[in-house]
């Protein structure tokens, strides 16, 4: 699989209005794994800027194996901080 950053992603672009909203706290880049996902079609590579509740919903979707988060970052006042590759969480 090619590096996700080398391709244009579906969802929000880097200058999306959602990035600069006061409630935005997270940016995630992920691949849709399940064909009936609320995020898109299977194989879609996406970027979303999310508030805390949206981020928690994305984490739950990852636990259900509907999506696979490749990279994530904290967002504060539109600034992307702590850009990190996705990590597996141990239960």
N, C-alpha and C. Protein backbone atom coordinates (compact mmCIF):
# COMPACT_ATOMS: atom_id res chain seq x y z
N UNK A 1 0.85 -1.18 0.00
CA UNK A 1 0.00 0.00 0.00
C UNK A 1 0.89 1.24 0.00
N UNK A 2 0.57 2.19 -0.85
CA UNK A 2 1.33 3.43 -0.91
C UNK A 2 1.09 4.25 0.34
N UNK A 3 2.02 5.15 0.61
CA UNK A 3 1.88 6.05 1.75
C UNK A 3 0.62 6.90 1.57
N UNK A 4 -0.21 6.94 2.59
CA UNK A 4 -1.48 7.66 2.52
C UNK A 4 -1.28 9.16 2.29
N UNK A 5 -0.15 9.71 2.71
CA UNK A 5 0.09 11.16 2.56
C UNK A 5 0.44 11.53 1.12
N UNK A 6 0.80 10.56 0.29
CA UNK A 6 1.21 10.84 -1.08
C UNK A 6 0.02 10.97 -2.02
N UNK A 7 -1.20 10.70 -1.56
CA UNK A 7 -2.38 10.74 -2.41
C UNK A 7 -3.38 11.77 -1.91
N UNK A 8 -4.24 12.19 -2.84
CA UNK A 8 -5.34 13.06 -2.45
C UNK A 8 -6.36 12.22 -1.69
N UNK A 9 -6.77 12.69 -0.54
CA UNK A 9 -7.70 11.95 0.29
C UNK A 9 -9.11 12.49 0.11
N UNK A 10 -10.11 11.64 0.30
CA UNK A 10 -11.50 12.08 0.31
C UNK A 10 -11.77 12.72 1.67
N UNK A 11 -12.91 13.34 1.80
CA UNK A 11 -13.25 13.98 3.07
C UNK A 11 -12.81 15.43 3.06
N UNK A 12 -12.21 15.86 4.16
CA UNK A 12 -11.78 17.26 4.30
C UNK A 12 -10.39 17.47 3.73
N UNK A 13 -10.19 18.58 3.00
CA UNK A 13 -8.84 18.90 2.57
C UNK A 13 -8.13 19.66 3.67
N UNK A 14 -6.84 19.94 3.51
CA UNK A 14 -6.04 20.54 4.58
C UNK A 14 -6.51 21.95 4.96
N UNK A 15 -7.21 22.63 4.08
CA UNK A 15 -7.70 23.98 4.39
C UNK A 15 -9.21 24.01 4.60
N UNK A 16 -9.78 22.89 4.96
CA UNK A 16 -11.23 22.80 5.17
C UNK A 16 -11.69 23.72 6.29
N UNK A 17 -12.87 24.24 6.15
CA UNK A 17 -13.47 25.11 7.17
C UNK A 17 -13.55 24.39 8.51
N UNK A 18 -13.82 23.09 8.48
CA UNK A 18 -13.94 22.31 9.72
C UNK A 18 -12.67 22.35 10.56
N UNK A 19 -11.52 22.48 9.91
CA UNK A 19 -10.24 22.54 10.63
C UNK A 19 -10.19 23.74 11.57
N UNK A 20 -10.83 24.84 11.21
CA UNK A 20 -10.72 26.09 11.94
C UNK A 20 -11.91 26.36 12.88
N UNK A 21 -12.84 25.42 12.98
CA UNK A 21 -13.96 25.59 13.90
C UNK A 21 -13.47 25.46 15.34
N UNK A 22 -14.10 26.18 16.24
CA UNK A 22 -13.69 26.18 17.65
C UNK A 22 -13.77 24.80 18.29
N UNK A 23 -14.70 23.98 17.86
CA UNK A 23 -14.89 22.66 18.48
C UNK A 23 -13.93 21.59 17.95
N UNK A 24 -13.22 21.86 16.86
CA UNK A 24 -12.34 20.86 16.26
C UNK A 24 -11.13 20.60 17.16
N UNK A 25 -10.91 19.32 17.46
CA UNK A 25 -9.80 18.91 18.33
C UNK A 25 -8.91 17.84 17.71
N UNK A 26 -9.37 17.17 16.65
CA UNK A 26 -8.63 16.05 16.07
C UNK A 26 -8.67 16.07 14.55
N UNK A 27 -7.60 15.59 13.95
CA UNK A 27 -7.56 15.28 12.52
C UNK A 27 -7.19 13.81 12.43
N UNK A 28 -7.93 13.05 11.64
CA UNK A 28 -7.57 11.65 11.41
C UNK A 28 -7.51 11.37 9.92
N UNK A 29 -6.61 10.48 9.54
CA UNK A 29 -6.53 9.97 8.18
C UNK A 29 -6.70 8.46 8.31
N UNK A 30 -7.59 7.90 7.51
CA UNK A 30 -7.93 6.49 7.68
C UNK A 30 -8.37 5.85 6.38
N UNK A 31 -8.44 4.53 6.40
CA UNK A 31 -8.93 3.74 5.28
C UNK A 31 -10.24 3.09 5.72
N UNK A 32 -11.24 3.13 4.85
CA UNK A 32 -12.53 2.48 5.13
C UNK A 32 -12.39 1.00 4.80
N UNK A 33 -12.70 0.14 5.76
CA UNK A 33 -12.55 -1.31 5.60
C UNK A 33 -13.86 -2.02 5.32
N UNK A 34 -14.95 -1.49 5.85
CA UNK A 34 -16.26 -2.16 5.77
C UNK A 34 -17.08 -1.53 4.66
N UNK A 35 -17.73 -2.33 3.80
CA UNK A 35 -18.49 -1.77 2.68
C UNK A 35 -19.70 -0.93 3.10
N UNK A 36 -20.24 -1.12 4.28
CA UNK A 36 -21.42 -0.38 4.71
C UNK A 36 -21.08 0.66 5.78
N UNK A 37 -19.91 1.24 5.72
CA UNK A 37 -19.48 2.22 6.71
C UNK A 37 -20.15 3.57 6.47
N UNK A 38 -20.38 4.30 7.56
CA UNK A 38 -20.94 5.65 7.46
C UNK A 38 -19.92 6.63 6.88
N UNK A 39 -18.65 6.23 6.82
CA UNK A 39 -17.59 7.13 6.37
C UNK A 39 -17.36 7.09 4.87
N UNK A 40 -17.78 6.03 4.19
CA UNK A 40 -17.56 5.94 2.75
C UNK A 40 -17.57 4.50 2.29
N UNK A 41 -17.05 4.28 1.10
CA UNK A 41 -17.00 2.95 0.50
C UNK A 41 -15.71 2.24 0.87
N UNK A 42 -15.74 0.95 0.82
CA UNK A 42 -14.56 0.15 1.14
C UNK A 42 -13.37 0.59 0.27
N UNK A 43 -12.23 0.79 0.89
CA UNK A 43 -11.02 1.20 0.18
C UNK A 43 -10.81 2.70 0.11
N UNK A 44 -11.83 3.48 0.44
CA UNK A 44 -11.67 4.95 0.42
C UNK A 44 -10.65 5.37 1.47
N UNK A 45 -9.78 6.28 1.09
CA UNK A 45 -8.83 6.87 2.04
C UNK A 45 -9.33 8.27 2.34
N UNK A 46 -9.51 8.57 3.62
CA UNK A 46 -10.20 9.79 4.03
C UNK A 46 -9.40 10.58 5.05
N UNK A 47 -9.69 11.88 5.10
CA UNK A 47 -9.19 12.77 6.16
C UNK A 47 -10.39 13.51 6.71
N UNK A 48 -10.50 13.57 8.04
CA UNK A 48 -11.57 14.31 8.68
C UNK A 48 -11.01 15.14 9.83
N UNK A 49 -11.56 16.33 10.01
CA UNK A 49 -11.30 17.16 11.18
C UNK A 49 -12.52 17.01 12.08
N UNK A 50 -12.30 16.61 13.34
CA UNK A 50 -13.39 16.20 14.20
C UNK A 50 -13.36 16.88 15.56
N UNK A 51 -14.55 17.06 16.13
CA UNK A 51 -14.68 17.44 17.54
C UNK A 51 -14.44 16.17 18.36
N UNK A 52 -14.38 16.31 19.66
CA UNK A 52 -14.08 15.17 20.54
C UNK A 52 -15.07 14.03 20.36
N UNK A 53 -16.37 14.34 20.27
CA UNK A 53 -17.37 13.27 20.13
C UNK A 53 -17.23 12.54 18.80
N UNK A 54 -16.90 13.25 17.74
CA UNK A 54 -16.66 12.60 16.45
C UNK A 54 -15.44 11.71 16.46
N UNK A 55 -14.41 12.15 17.18
CA UNK A 55 -13.19 11.35 17.31
C UNK A 55 -13.47 10.06 18.08
N UNK A 56 -14.24 10.16 19.15
CA UNK A 56 -14.60 8.96 19.93
C UNK A 56 -15.41 7.99 19.07
N UNK A 57 -16.31 8.52 18.24
CA UNK A 57 -17.09 7.66 17.33
C UNK A 57 -16.18 6.97 16.33
N UNK A 58 -15.16 7.68 15.83
CA UNK A 58 -14.20 7.08 14.90
C UNK A 58 -13.40 5.97 15.58
N UNK A 59 -13.01 6.18 16.83
CA UNK A 59 -12.29 5.13 17.57
C UNK A 59 -13.16 3.89 17.75
N UNK A 60 -14.44 4.09 18.00
CA UNK A 60 -15.36 2.95 18.12
C UNK A 60 -15.51 2.23 16.78
N UNK A 61 -15.55 2.99 15.68
CA UNK A 61 -15.62 2.38 14.35
C UNK A 61 -14.36 1.56 14.07
N UNK A 62 -13.23 2.06 14.54
CA UNK A 62 -11.99 1.30 14.37
C UNK A 62 -12.03 0.00 15.18
N UNK A 63 -12.57 0.05 16.40
CA UNK A 63 -12.68 -1.17 17.21
C UNK A 63 -13.60 -2.19 16.55
N UNK A 64 -14.63 -1.70 15.84
CA UNK A 64 -15.55 -2.59 15.12
C UNK A 64 -14.98 -3.02 13.76
N UNK A 65 -13.76 -2.57 13.46
CA UNK A 65 -13.06 -2.87 12.21
C UNK A 65 -13.78 -2.35 10.98
N UNK A 66 -14.46 -1.21 11.13
CA UNK A 66 -15.08 -0.55 9.99
C UNK A 66 -14.09 0.36 9.29
N UNK A 67 -13.15 0.94 10.06
CA UNK A 67 -12.11 1.80 9.53
C UNK A 67 -10.78 1.41 10.17
N UNK A 68 -9.67 1.87 9.54
CA UNK A 68 -8.34 1.70 10.11
C UNK A 68 -7.68 3.08 10.10
N UNK A 69 -7.46 3.66 11.28
CA UNK A 69 -6.82 4.97 11.38
C UNK A 69 -5.34 4.81 11.09
N UNK A 70 -4.86 5.53 10.08
CA UNK A 70 -3.46 5.47 9.68
C UNK A 70 -2.63 6.53 10.40
N UNK A 71 -3.19 7.74 10.51
CA UNK A 71 -2.49 8.83 11.18
C UNK A 71 -3.51 9.71 11.88
N UNK A 72 -3.05 10.38 12.93
CA UNK A 72 -3.93 11.28 13.66
C UNK A 72 -3.10 12.42 14.23
N UNK A 73 -3.78 13.52 14.57
CA UNK A 73 -3.10 14.68 15.16
C UNK A 73 -4.09 15.47 15.98
N UNK A 74 -3.60 16.13 17.00
CA UNK A 74 -4.39 17.09 17.77
C UNK A 74 -4.48 18.37 16.95
N UNK A 75 -5.60 19.06 17.07
CA UNK A 75 -5.80 20.34 16.38
C UNK A 75 -6.23 21.36 17.41
N UNK A 76 -5.54 22.49 17.44
CA UNK A 76 -5.88 23.60 18.34
C UNK A 76 -5.88 24.87 17.52
N UNK A 77 -7.04 25.53 17.47
CA UNK A 77 -7.23 26.77 16.72
C UNK A 77 -6.71 26.66 15.29
N UNK A 78 -6.98 25.52 14.65
CA UNK A 78 -6.58 25.30 13.26
C UNK A 78 -5.16 24.81 13.07
N UNK A 79 -4.36 24.81 14.14
CA UNK A 79 -2.98 24.33 14.05
C UNK A 79 -2.95 22.82 14.27
N UNK A 80 -2.27 22.11 13.37
CA UNK A 80 -2.15 20.66 13.49
C UNK A 80 -0.90 20.36 14.32
N UNK A 81 -1.10 19.71 15.46
CA UNK A 81 -0.03 19.41 16.40
C UNK A 81 0.15 17.90 16.55
N UNK A 82 1.33 17.49 16.96
CA UNK A 82 1.58 16.10 17.32
C UNK A 82 1.13 15.12 16.24
N UNK A 83 1.51 15.35 15.01
CA UNK A 83 1.12 14.47 13.90
C UNK A 83 1.81 13.13 14.09
N UNK A 84 1.04 12.06 14.22
CA UNK A 84 1.59 10.75 14.55
C UNK A 84 0.98 9.67 13.68
N UNK A 85 1.78 8.63 13.43
CA UNK A 85 1.18 7.47 12.77
C UNK A 85 0.21 6.79 13.71
N UNK A 86 -0.75 6.09 13.18
CA UNK A 86 -1.71 5.36 14.01
C UNK A 86 -1.01 4.32 14.86
N UNK A 87 -1.49 4.14 16.07
CA UNK A 87 -0.92 3.14 16.98
C UNK A 87 -2.03 2.17 17.36
N UNK A 88 -1.65 0.94 17.55
CA UNK A 88 -2.63 -0.03 18.04
C UNK A 88 -2.78 0.14 19.54
N UNK A 89 -4.01 0.19 19.97
CA UNK A 89 -4.29 0.32 21.41
C UNK A 89 -4.48 -1.07 21.98
N UNK A 90 -3.87 -1.31 23.12
CA UNK A 90 -4.04 -2.59 23.78
C UNK A 90 -5.21 -2.50 24.75
N UNK A 91 -6.03 -3.53 24.74
CA UNK A 91 -7.21 -3.54 25.61
C UNK A 91 -6.88 -4.12 26.97
